[in-house]
Every structure is written in structure tokens, then in C-alpha cells.
């Protein structure tokens, strides 16, 4: 990797999946030592904080879609089609 450039964490660096004798295990444990909290720091680019915010917004969107589907009693694709202005059909 390039010095000074932050990269997105990869799934194979998750400490739950790594062998404790692996050299990247200590880095993964150090990264996970401090939680992000409710609202991570706003850092631009591909950072762990940005990925946490993106994941939380994605969960919020899925929850909103499920709730709209339950309330309106319509298929999910029809609701998404309404939300994006009829671009599907």
C-alpha cells in the first residue's frame, strides 16, 4: 500500500476470522480497540468511519423500505419504482 493513504478494511482482516498467530491479527485488534460510537467522525474518502456511516445509512434505507412495504401492502420493487420516479417500468 502507498504510505499515508488509508484504505477500506477488507473482510479477511476481521479478527474473528484471523488466526491469532497471523501477523495482521495484531493490526486488526488494534483497529477494533476503540468503537466508533453512535456518530463516527466525518472523514472523507475510503475510511473506516465512512464505511460505518455508509453501512448505517444502508440499514436505515432497508428498514424504511420494509416499513413502506408493510404499510402500503405493495411489493418492494413497486415501492422502489415509485421512489425513483418510475424508472423501472
PDB file of N, CA and C in Angstrom:
ATOM      1  N   UNK A   1       0.828  -1.186   0.000  1.00  0.00           N
ATOM      2  CA  UNK A   1       0.000   0.000   0.000  1.00  0.00           C
ATOM      3  C   UNK A   1       0.871   1.247   0.000  1.00  0.00           C
ATOM      4  N   UNK A   2       0.317   2.340  -0.454  1.00  0.00           N
ATOM      5  CA  UNK A   2       1.025   3.612  -0.533  1.00  0.00           C
ATOM      6  C   UNK A   2       1.052   4.250   0.850  1.00  0.00           C
ATOM      7  N   UNK A   3       2.183   4.831   1.215  1.00  0.00           N
ATOM      8  CA  UNK A   3       2.322   5.437   2.526  1.00  0.00           C
ATOM      9  C   UNK A   3       1.396   6.641   2.645  1.00  0.00           C
ATOM     10  N   UNK A   4       0.667   6.722   3.770  1.00  0.00           N
ATOM     11  CA  UNK A   4      -0.204   7.845   4.041  1.00  0.00           C
ATOM     12  C   UNK A   4      -1.593   7.736   3.441  1.00  0.00           C
ATOM     13  N   UNK A   5      -1.883   6.682   2.702  1.00  0.00           N
ATOM     14  CA  UNK A   5      -3.188   6.501   2.091  1.00  0.00           C
ATOM     15  C   UNK A   5      -3.967   5.489   2.921  1.00  0.00           C
ATOM     16  N   UNK A   6      -5.160   5.881   3.346  1.00  0.00           N
ATOM     17  CA  UNK A   6      -5.995   4.963   4.112  1.00  0.00           C
ATOM     18  C   UNK A   6      -6.837   4.133   3.159  1.00  0.00           C
ATOM     19  N   UNK A   7      -7.011   2.879   3.481  1.00  0.00           N
ATOM     20  CA  UNK A   7      -7.803   2.005   2.639  1.00  0.00           C
ATOM     21  C   UNK A   7      -8.951   1.420   3.443  1.00  0.00           C
ATOM     22  N   UNK A   8      -9.921   0.936   2.740  1.00  0.00           N
ATOM     23  CA  UNK A   8     -11.083   0.307   3.351  1.00  0.00           C
ATOM     24  C   UNK A   8     -10.660  -1.030   3.981  1.00  0.00           C
ATOM     25  N   UNK A   9     -11.203  -1.373   5.158  1.00  0.00           N
ATOM     26  CA  UNK A   9     -10.854  -2.666   5.745  1.00  0.00           C
ATOM     27  C   UNK A   9     -11.425  -3.810   4.906  1.00  0.00           C
ATOM     28  N   UNK A  10     -10.651  -4.837   4.753  1.00  0.00           N
ATOM     29  CA  UNK A  10     -11.066  -5.988   3.966  1.00  0.00           C
ATOM     30  C   UNK A  10     -11.625  -7.065   4.879  1.00  0.00           C
ATOM     31  N   UNK A  11     -12.541  -7.901   4.379  1.00  0.00           N
ATOM     32  CA  UNK A  11     -13.158  -8.903   5.244  1.00  0.00           C
ATOM     33  C   UNK A  11     -12.161  -9.921   5.806  1.00  0.00           C
ATOM     34  N   UNK A  12     -11.056 -10.168   5.103  1.00  0.00           N
ATOM     35  CA  UNK A  12     -10.105 -11.151   5.613  1.00  0.00           C
ATOM     36  C   UNK A  12      -9.189 -10.560   6.681  1.00  0.00           C
ATOM     37  N   UNK A  13      -9.388  -9.294   7.054  1.00  0.00           N
ATOM     38  CA  UNK A  13      -8.640  -8.717   8.176  1.00  0.00           C
ATOM     39  C   UNK A  13      -9.503  -8.615   9.415  1.00  0.00           C
ATOM     40  N   UNK A  14     -10.666  -9.239   9.399  1.00  0.00           N
ATOM     41  CA  UNK A  14     -11.537  -9.266  10.570  1.00  0.00           C
ATOM     42  C   UNK A  14     -10.910 -10.180  11.621  1.00  0.00           C
ATOM     43  N   UNK A  15     -10.719  -9.693  12.853  1.00  0.00           N
ATOM     44  CA  UNK A  15     -10.065 -10.518  13.860  1.00  0.00           C
ATOM     45  C   UNK A  15     -10.836 -11.791  14.212  1.00  0.00           C
ATOM     46  N   UNK A  16     -12.134 -11.829  13.934  1.00  0.00           N
ATOM     47  CA  UNK A  16     -12.882 -13.054  14.198  1.00  0.00           C
ATOM     48  C   UNK A  16     -12.511 -14.166  13.229  1.00  0.00           C
ATOM     49  N   UNK A  17     -12.016 -13.790  12.042  1.00  0.00           N
ATOM     50  CA  UNK A  17     -11.681 -14.771  11.020  1.00  0.00           C
ATOM     51  C   UNK A  17     -10.193 -15.076  10.944  1.00  0.00           C
ATOM     52  N   UNK A  18      -9.374 -14.275  11.624  1.00  0.00           N
ATOM     53  CA  UNK A  18      -7.925 -14.440  11.527  1.00  0.00           C
ATOM     54  C   UNK A  18      -7.392 -15.398  12.582  1.00  0.00           C
ATOM     55  N   UNK A  19      -6.315 -16.054  12.210  1.00  0.00           N
ATOM     56  CA  UNK A  19      -5.584 -16.891  13.152  1.00  0.00           C
ATOM     57  C   UNK A  19      -4.814 -15.967  14.106  1.00  0.00           C
ATOM     58  N   UNK A  20      -4.909 -16.167  15.426  1.00  0.00           N
ATOM     59  CA  UNK A  20      -4.193 -15.289  16.357  1.00  0.00           C
ATOM     60  C   UNK A  20      -2.685 -15.241  16.152  1.00  0.00           C
ATOM     61  N   UNK A  21      -2.110 -16.216  15.472  1.00  0.00           N
ATOM     62  CA  UNK A  21      -0.672 -16.184  15.222  1.00  0.00           C
ATOM     63  C   UNK A  21      -0.341 -15.440  13.919  1.00  0.00           C
ATOM     64  N   UNK A  22      -1.358 -14.962  13.199  1.00  0.00           N
ATOM     65  CA  UNK A  22      -1.141 -14.232  11.953  1.00  0.00           C
ATOM     66  C   UNK A  22      -0.575 -12.843  12.241  1.00  0.00           C
ATOM     67  N   UNK A  23       0.326 -12.330  11.388  1.00  0.00           N
ATOM     68  CA  UNK A  23       0.892 -11.002  11.630  1.00  0.00           C
ATOM     69  C   UNK A  23      -0.139  -9.878  11.531  1.00  0.00           C
ATOM     70  N   UNK A  24      -1.185 -10.052  10.761  1.00  0.00           N
ATOM     71  CA  UNK A  24      -2.192  -8.996  10.644  1.00  0.00           C
ATOM     72  C   UNK A  24      -3.218  -9.034  11.776  1.00  0.00           C
ATOM     73  N   UNK A  25      -3.147 -10.051  12.642  1.00  0.00           N
ATOM     74  CA  UNK A  25      -4.087 -10.148  13.758  1.00  0.00           C
ATOM     75  C   UNK A  25      -3.909  -8.974  14.723  1.00  0.00           C
ATOM     76  N   UNK A  26      -2.672  -8.608  15.043  1.00  0.00           N
ATOM     77  CA  UNK A  26      -2.425  -7.501  15.973  1.00  0.00           C
ATOM     78  C   UNK A  26      -2.933  -6.170  15.412  1.00  0.00           C
ATOM     79  N   UNK A  27      -2.743  -5.952  14.111  1.00  0.00           N
ATOM     80  CA  UNK A  27      -3.262  -4.716  13.494  1.00  0.00           C
ATOM     81  C   UNK A  27      -4.785  -4.673  13.555  1.00  0.00           C
ATOM     82  N   UNK A  28      -5.424  -5.813  13.280  1.00  0.00           N
ATOM     83  CA  UNK A  28      -6.886  -5.866  13.310  1.00  0.00           C
ATOM     84  C   UNK A  28      -7.410  -5.630  14.720  1.00  0.00           C
ATOM     85  N   UNK A  29      -6.745  -6.186  15.710  1.00  0.00           N
ATOM     86  CA  UNK A  29      -7.174  -5.982  17.098  1.00  0.00           C
ATOM     87  C   UNK A  29      -6.965  -4.533  17.520  1.00  0.00           C
ATOM     88  N   UNK A  30      -5.892  -3.904  17.071  1.00  0.00           N
ATOM     89  CA  UNK A  30      -5.645  -2.504  17.419  1.00  0.00           C
ATOM     90  C   UNK A  30      -6.688  -1.597  16.780  1.00  0.00           C
ATOM     91  N   UNK A  31      -7.093  -1.921  15.569  1.00  0.00           N
ATOM     92  CA  UNK A  31      -8.100  -1.117  14.876  1.00  0.00           C
ATOM     93  C   UNK A  31      -9.448  -1.217  15.582  1.00  0.00           C
ATOM     94  N   UNK A  32      -9.766  -2.371  16.150  1.00  0.00           N
ATOM     95  CA  UNK A  32     -11.051  -2.589  16.798  1.00  0.00           C
ATOM     96  C   UNK A  32     -11.038  -2.250  18.286  1.00  0.00           C
ATOM     97  N   UNK A  33      -9.958  -1.635  18.773  1.00  0.00           N
ATOM     98  CA  UNK A  33      -9.870  -1.362  20.208  1.00  0.00           C
ATOM     99  C   UNK A  33     -10.768  -0.205  20.639  1.00  0.00           C
ATOM    100  N   UNK A  34     -11.064   0.719  19.722  1.00  0.00           N
ATOM    101  CA  UNK A  34     -11.908   1.863  20.072  1.00  0.00           C
ATOM    102  C   UNK A  34     -13.142   1.864  19.170  1.00  0.00           C
ATOM    103  N   UNK A  35     -14.348   1.744  19.762  1.00  0.00           N
ATOM    104  CA  UNK A  35     -15.554   1.705  18.937  1.00  0.00           C
ATOM    105  C   UNK A  35     -15.851   3.067  18.304  1.00  0.00           C
ATOM    106  N   UNK A  36     -16.645   3.057  17.244  1.00  0.00           N
ATOM    107  CA  UNK A  36     -16.992   4.287  16.546  1.00  0.00           C
ATOM    108  C   UNK A  36     -18.027   5.113  17.299  1.00  0.00           C
ATOM    109  N   UNK A  37     -18.866   4.493  18.106  1.00  0.00           N
ATOM    110  CA  UNK A  37     -19.924   5.222  18.790  1.00  0.00           C
ATOM    111  C   UNK A  37     -21.130   5.405  17.892  1.00  0.00           C
ATOM    112  N   UNK A  38     -22.060   6.254  18.313  1.00  0.00           N
ATOM    113  CA  UNK A  38     -23.280   6.459  17.534  1.00  0.00           C
ATOM    114  C   UNK A  38     -23.016   7.197  16.232  1.00  0.00           C
ATOM    115  N   UNK A  39     -22.178   8.214  16.269  1.00  0.00           N
ATOM    116  CA  UNK A  39     -21.886   9.001  15.090  1.00  0.00           C
ATOM    117  C   UNK A  39     -20.378   9.100  14.916  1.00  0.00           C
ATOM    118  N   UNK A  40     -19.818   8.314  13.993  1.00  0.00           N
ATOM    119  CA  UNK A  40     -18.366   8.370  13.782  1.00  0.00           C
ATOM    120  C   UNK A  40     -17.925   9.731  13.276  1.00  0.00           C
ATOM    121  N   UNK A  41     -16.650  10.016  13.423  1.00  0.00           N
ATOM    122  CA  UNK A  41     -16.092  11.268  12.912  1.00  0.00           C
ATOM    123  C   UNK A  41     -16.278  11.319  11.398  1.00  0.00           C
ATOM    124  N   UNK A  42     -16.580  12.493  10.884  1.00  0.00           N
ATOM    125  CA  UNK A  42     -16.799  12.651   9.455  1.00  0.00           C
ATOM    126  C   UNK A  42     -15.445  12.810   8.759  1.00  0.00           C
ATOM    127  N   UNK A  43     -15.016  11.743   8.109  1.00  0.00           N
ATOM    128  CA  UNK A  43     -13.769  11.754   7.349  1.00  0.00           C
ATOM    129  C   UNK A  43     -14.098  11.395   5.916  1.00  0.00           C
ATOM    130  N   UNK A  44     -13.600  12.181   4.977  1.00  0.00           N
ATOM    131  CA  UNK A  44     -13.890  11.950   3.570  1.00  0.00           C
ATOM    132  C   UNK A  44     -12.923  10.929   2.992  1.00  0.00           C
ATOM    133  N   UNK A  45     -13.366  10.247   1.955  1.00  0.00           N
ATOM    134  CA  UNK A  45     -12.548   9.225   1.321  1.00  0.00           C
ATOM    135  C   UNK A  45     -12.978   7.847   1.771  1.00  0.00           C
ATOM    136  N   UNK A  46     -12.167   6.861   1.454  1.00  0.00           N
ATOM    137  CA  UNK A  46     -12.466   5.488   1.842  1.00  0.00           C
ATOM    138  C   UNK A  46     -11.798   5.231   3.186  1.00  0.00           C
ATOM    139  N   UNK A  47     -12.546   5.497   4.236  1.00  0.00           N
ATOM    140  CA  UNK A  47     -12.036   5.306   5.595  1.00  0.00           C
ATOM    141  C   UNK A  47     -12.978   4.386   6.350  1.00  0.00           C
ATOM    142  N   UNK A  48     -12.539   3.888   7.462  1.00  0.00           N
ATOM    143  CA  UNK A  48     -13.395   3.022   8.278  1.00  0.00           C
ATOM    144  C   UNK A  48     -14.602   3.790   8.798  1.00  0.00           C
ATOM    145  N   UNK A  49     -14.414   5.072   9.124  1.00  0.00           N
ATOM    146  CA  UNK A  49     -15.529   5.880   9.612  1.00  0.00           C
ATOM    147  C   UNK A  49     -16.582   6.065   8.519  1.00  0.00           C
ATOM    148  N   UNK A  50     -16.136   6.332   7.297  1.00  0.00           N
ATOM    149  CA  UNK A  50     -17.070   6.499   6.177  1.00  0.00           C
ATOM    150  C   UNK A  50     -17.812   5.191   5.902  1.00  0.00           C
ATOM    151  N   UNK A  51     -17.131   4.080   5.999  1.00  0.00           N
ATOM    152  CA  UNK A  51     -17.777   2.788   5.781  1.00  0.00           C
ATOM    153  C   UNK A  51     -18.811   2.507   6.862  1.00  0.00           C
ATOM    154  N   UNK A  52     -18.534   2.900   8.101  1.00  0.00           N
ATOM    155  CA  UNK A  52     -19.510   2.713   9.181  1.00  0.00           C
ATOM    156  C   UNK A  52     -20.754   3.556   8.921  1.00  0.00           C
ATOM    157  N   UNK A  53     -20.566   4.803   8.499  1.00  0.00           N
ATOM    158  CA  UNK A  53     -21.708   5.673   8.202  1.00  0.00           C
ATOM    159  C   UNK A  53     -22.502   5.124   7.013  1.00  0.00           C
ATOM    160  N   UNK A  54     -21.810   4.683   5.953  1.00  0.00           N
ATOM    161  CA  UNK A  54     -22.492   4.116   4.785  1.00  0.00           C
ATOM    162  C   UNK A  54     -23.299   2.879   5.152  1.00  0.00           C
ATOM    163  N   UNK A  55     -22.733   2.037   5.987  1.00  0.00           N
ATOM    164  CA  UNK A  55     -23.447   0.838   6.418  1.00  0.00           C
ATOM    165  C   UNK A  55     -24.687   1.169   7.221  1.00  0.00           C
ATOM    166  N   UNK A  56     -24.580   2.158   8.090  1.00  0.00           N
ATOM    167  CA  UNK A  56     -25.740   2.553   8.896  1.00  0.00           C
ATOM    168  C   UNK A  56     -26.822   3.178   8.032  1.00  0.00           C
ATOM    169  N   UNK A  57     -26.440   3.985   7.050  1.00  0.00           N
ATOM    170  CA  UNK A  57     -27.434   4.565   6.144  1.00  0.00           C
ATOM    171  C   UNK A  57     -28.092   3.485   5.280  1.00  0.00           C
ATOM    172  N   UNK A  58     -27.335   2.481   4.879  1.00  0.00           N
ATOM    173  CA  UNK A  58     -27.906   1.378   4.105  1.00  0.00           C
ATOM    174  C   UNK A  58     -28.926   0.609   4.944  1.00  0.00           C
ATOM    175  N   UNK A  59     -28.601   0.365   6.215  1.00  0.00           N
ATOM    176  CA  UNK A  59     -29.554  -0.314   7.100  1.00  0.00           C
ATOM    177  C   UNK A  59     -30.812   0.514   7.292  1.00  0.00           C
ATOM    178  N   UNK A  60     -30.662   1.831   7.407  1.00  0.00           N
ATOM    179  CA  UNK A  60     -31.814   2.716   7.544  1.00  0.00           C
ATOM    180  C   UNK A  60     -32.686   2.662   6.285  1.00  0.00           C
ATOM    181  N   UNK A  61     -32.065   2.640   5.118  1.00  0.00           N
ATOM    182  CA  UNK A  61     -32.818   2.553   3.867  1.00  0.00           C
ATOM    183  C   UNK A  61     -33.581   1.245   3.738  1.00  0.00           C
ATOM    184  N   UNK A  62     -32.950   0.139   4.097  1.00  0.00           N
ATOM    185  CA  UNK A  62     -33.628  -1.163   4.043  1.00  0.00           C
ATOM    186  C   UNK A  62     -34.798  -1.187   5.016  1.00  0.00           C
ATOM    187  N   UNK A  63     -34.586  -0.636   6.213  1.00  0.00           N
ATOM    188  CA  UNK A  63     -35.663  -0.592   7.205  1.00  0.00           C
ATOM    189  C   UNK A  63     -36.829   0.259   6.683  1.00  0.00           C
ATOM    190  N   UNK A  64     -36.524   1.409   6.068  1.00  0.00           N
ATOM    191  CA  UNK A  64     -37.581   2.264   5.510  1.00  0.00           C
ATOM    192  C   UNK A  64     -38.339   1.532   4.411  1.00  0.00           C
ATOM    193  N   UNK A  65     -37.633   0.776   3.577  1.00  0.00           N
ATOM    194  CA  UNK A  65     -38.286   0.016   2.514  1.00  0.00           C
ATOM    195  C   UNK A  65     -39.192  -1.066   3.085  1.00  0.00           C
ATOM    196  N   UNK A  66     -38.729  -1.761   4.104  1.00  0.00           N
ATOM    197  CA  UNK A  66     -39.545  -2.812   4.728  1.00  0.00           C
ATOM    198  C   UNK A  66     -40.790  -2.205   5.372  1.00  0.00           C
ATOM    199  N   UNK A  67     -40.625  -1.080   6.047  1.00  0.00           N
ATOM    200  CA  UNK A  67     -41.776  -0.426   6.688  1.00  0.00           C
ATOM    201  C   UNK A  67     -42.766   0.078   5.640  1.00  0.00           C
ATOM    202  N   UNK A  68     -42.272   0.677   4.550  1.00  0.00           N
ATOM    203  CA  UNK A  68     -43.164   1.154   3.494  1.00  0.00           C
ATOM    204  C   UNK A  68     -43.901  -0.013   2.844  1.00  0.00           C
ATOM    205  N   UNK A  69     -43.225  -1.135   2.677  1.00  0.00           N
ATOM    206  CA  UNK A  69     -43.863  -2.326   2.112  1.00  0.00           C
ATOM    207  C   UNK A  69     -44.970  -2.829   3.029  1.00  0.00           C
ATOM    208  N   UNK A  70     -44.698  -2.841   4.326  1.00  0.00           N
ATOM    209  CA  UNK A  70     -45.703  -3.318   5.281  1.00  0.00           C
ATOM    210  C   UNK A  70     -46.896  -2.370   5.360  1.00  0.00           C
ATOM    211  N   UNK A  71     -46.647  -1.077   5.325  1.00  0.00           N
ATOM    212  CA  UNK A  71     -47.731  -0.100   5.461  1.00  0.00           C
ATOM    213  C   UNK A  71     -48.573  -0.022   4.193  1.00  0.00           C
ATOM    214  N   UNK A  72     -47.926   0.040   3.022  1.00  0.00           N
ATOM    215  CA  UNK A  72     -48.653   0.222   1.766  1.00  0.00           C
ATOM    216  C   UNK A  72     -49.153  -1.092   1.157  1.00  0.00           C
ATOM    217  N   UNK A  73     -48.695  -2.237   1.677  1.00  0.00           N
ATOM    218  CA  UNK A  73     -49.102  -3.549   1.164  1.00  0.00           C
ATOM    219  C   UNK A  73     -48.829  -3.680  -0.342  1.00  0.00           C
ATOM    220  N   UNK A  74     -47.644  -3.226  -0.762  1.00  0.00           N
ATOM    221  CA  UNK A  74     -47.215  -3.332  -2.154  1.00  0.00           C
ATOM    222  C   UNK A  74     -45.893  -4.086  -2.195  1.00  0.00           C
ATOM    223  N   UNK A  75     -45.547  -4.681  -3.333  1.00  0.00           N
ATOM    224  CA  UNK A  75     -44.229  -5.315  -3.461  1.00  0.00           C
ATOM    225  C   UNK A  75     -43.098  -4.278  -3.354  1.00  0.00           C
ATOM    226  N   UNK A  76     -41.957  -4.733  -2.887  1.00  0.00           N
ATOM    227  CA  UNK A  76     -40.813  -3.835  -2.690  1.00  0.00           C
ATOM    228  C   UNK A  76     -40.386  -3.152  -3.981  1.00  0.00           C
ATOM    229  N   UNK A  77     -40.373  -3.883  -5.091  1.00  0.00           N
ATOM    230  CA  UNK A  77     -39.953  -3.280  -6.356  1.00  0.00           C
ATOM    231  C   UNK A  77     -40.894  -2.162  -6.790  1.00  0.00           C
ATOM    232  N   UNK A  78     -42.183  -2.299  -6.516  1.00  0.00           N
ATOM    233  CA  UNK A  78     -43.125  -1.225  -6.856  1.00  0.00           C
ATOM    234  C   UNK A  78     -42.842   0.025  -6.029  1.00  0.00           C
ATOM    235  N   UNK A  79     -42.508  -0.154  -4.766  1.00  0.00           N
ATOM    236  CA  UNK A  79     -42.217   0.996  -3.906  1.00  0.00           C
ATOM    237  C   UNK A  79     -40.920   1.667  -4.344  1.00  0.00           C
ATOM    238  N   UNK A  80     -39.889   0.878  -4.651  1.00  0.00           N
ATOM    239  CA  UNK A  80     -38.634   1.459  -5.125  1.00  0.00           C
ATOM    240  C   UNK A  80     -38.870   2.184  -6.438  1.00  0.00           C
ATOM    241  N   UNK A  81     -39.699   1.613  -7.306  1.00  0.00           N
ATOM    242  CA  UNK A  81     -40.017   2.256  -8.573  1.00  0.00           C
ATOM    243  C   UNK A  81     -40.690   3.613  -8.344  1.00  0.00           C
ATOM    244  N   UNK A  82     -41.576   3.708  -7.368  1.00  0.00           N
ATOM    245  CA  UNK A  82     -42.203   4.989  -7.033  1.00  0.00           C
ATOM    246  C   UNK A  82     -41.164   5.974  -6.503  1.00  0.00           C
ATOM    247  N   UNK A  83     -40.251   5.491  -5.666  1.00  0.00           N
ATOM    248  CA  UNK A  83     -39.248   6.369  -5.053  1.00  0.00           C
ATOM    249  C   UNK A  83     -38.303   6.956  -6.084  1.00  0.00           C
ATOM    250  N   UNK A  84     -38.013   6.209  -7.147  1.00  0.00           N
ATOM    251  CA  UNK A  84     -37.068   6.728  -8.141  1.00  0.00           C
ATOM    252  C   UNK A  84     -37.783   7.316  -9.356  1.00  0.00           C
ATOM    253  N   UNK A  85     -39.076   7.543  -9.247  1.00  0.00           N
ATOM    254  CA  UNK A  85     -39.814   8.249 -10.286  1.00  0.00           C
ATOM    255  C   UNK A  85     -40.239   7.427 -11.473  1.00  0.00           C
ATOM    256  N   UNK A  86     -40.427   6.135 -11.296  1.00  0.00           N
ATOM    257  CA  UNK A  86     -40.928   5.288 -12.375  1.00  0.00           C
ATOM    258  C   UNK A  86     -39.883   4.906 -13.400  1.00  0.00           C
ATOM    259  N   UNK A  87     -38.637   4.812 -13.025  1.00  0.00           N
ATOM    260  CA  UNK A  87     -37.570   4.483 -13.981  1.00  0.00           C
ATOM    261  C   UNK A  87     -37.567   3.007 -14.369  1.00  0.00           C
ATOM    262  N   UNK A  88     -38.134   2.129 -13.539  1.00  0.00           N
ATOM    263  CA  UNK A  88     -38.119   0.701 -13.854  1.00  0.00           C
ATOM    264  C   UNK A  88     -39.147   0.336 -14.905  1.00  0.00           C
ATOM    265  N   UNK A  89     -40.402   0.746 -14.658  1.00  0.00           N
ATOM    266  CA  UNK A  89     -41.491   0.383 -15.589  1.00  0.00           C
ATOM    267  C   UNK A  89     -42.633   1.325 -15.424  1.00  0.00           C
TER     268      UNK A  89
END
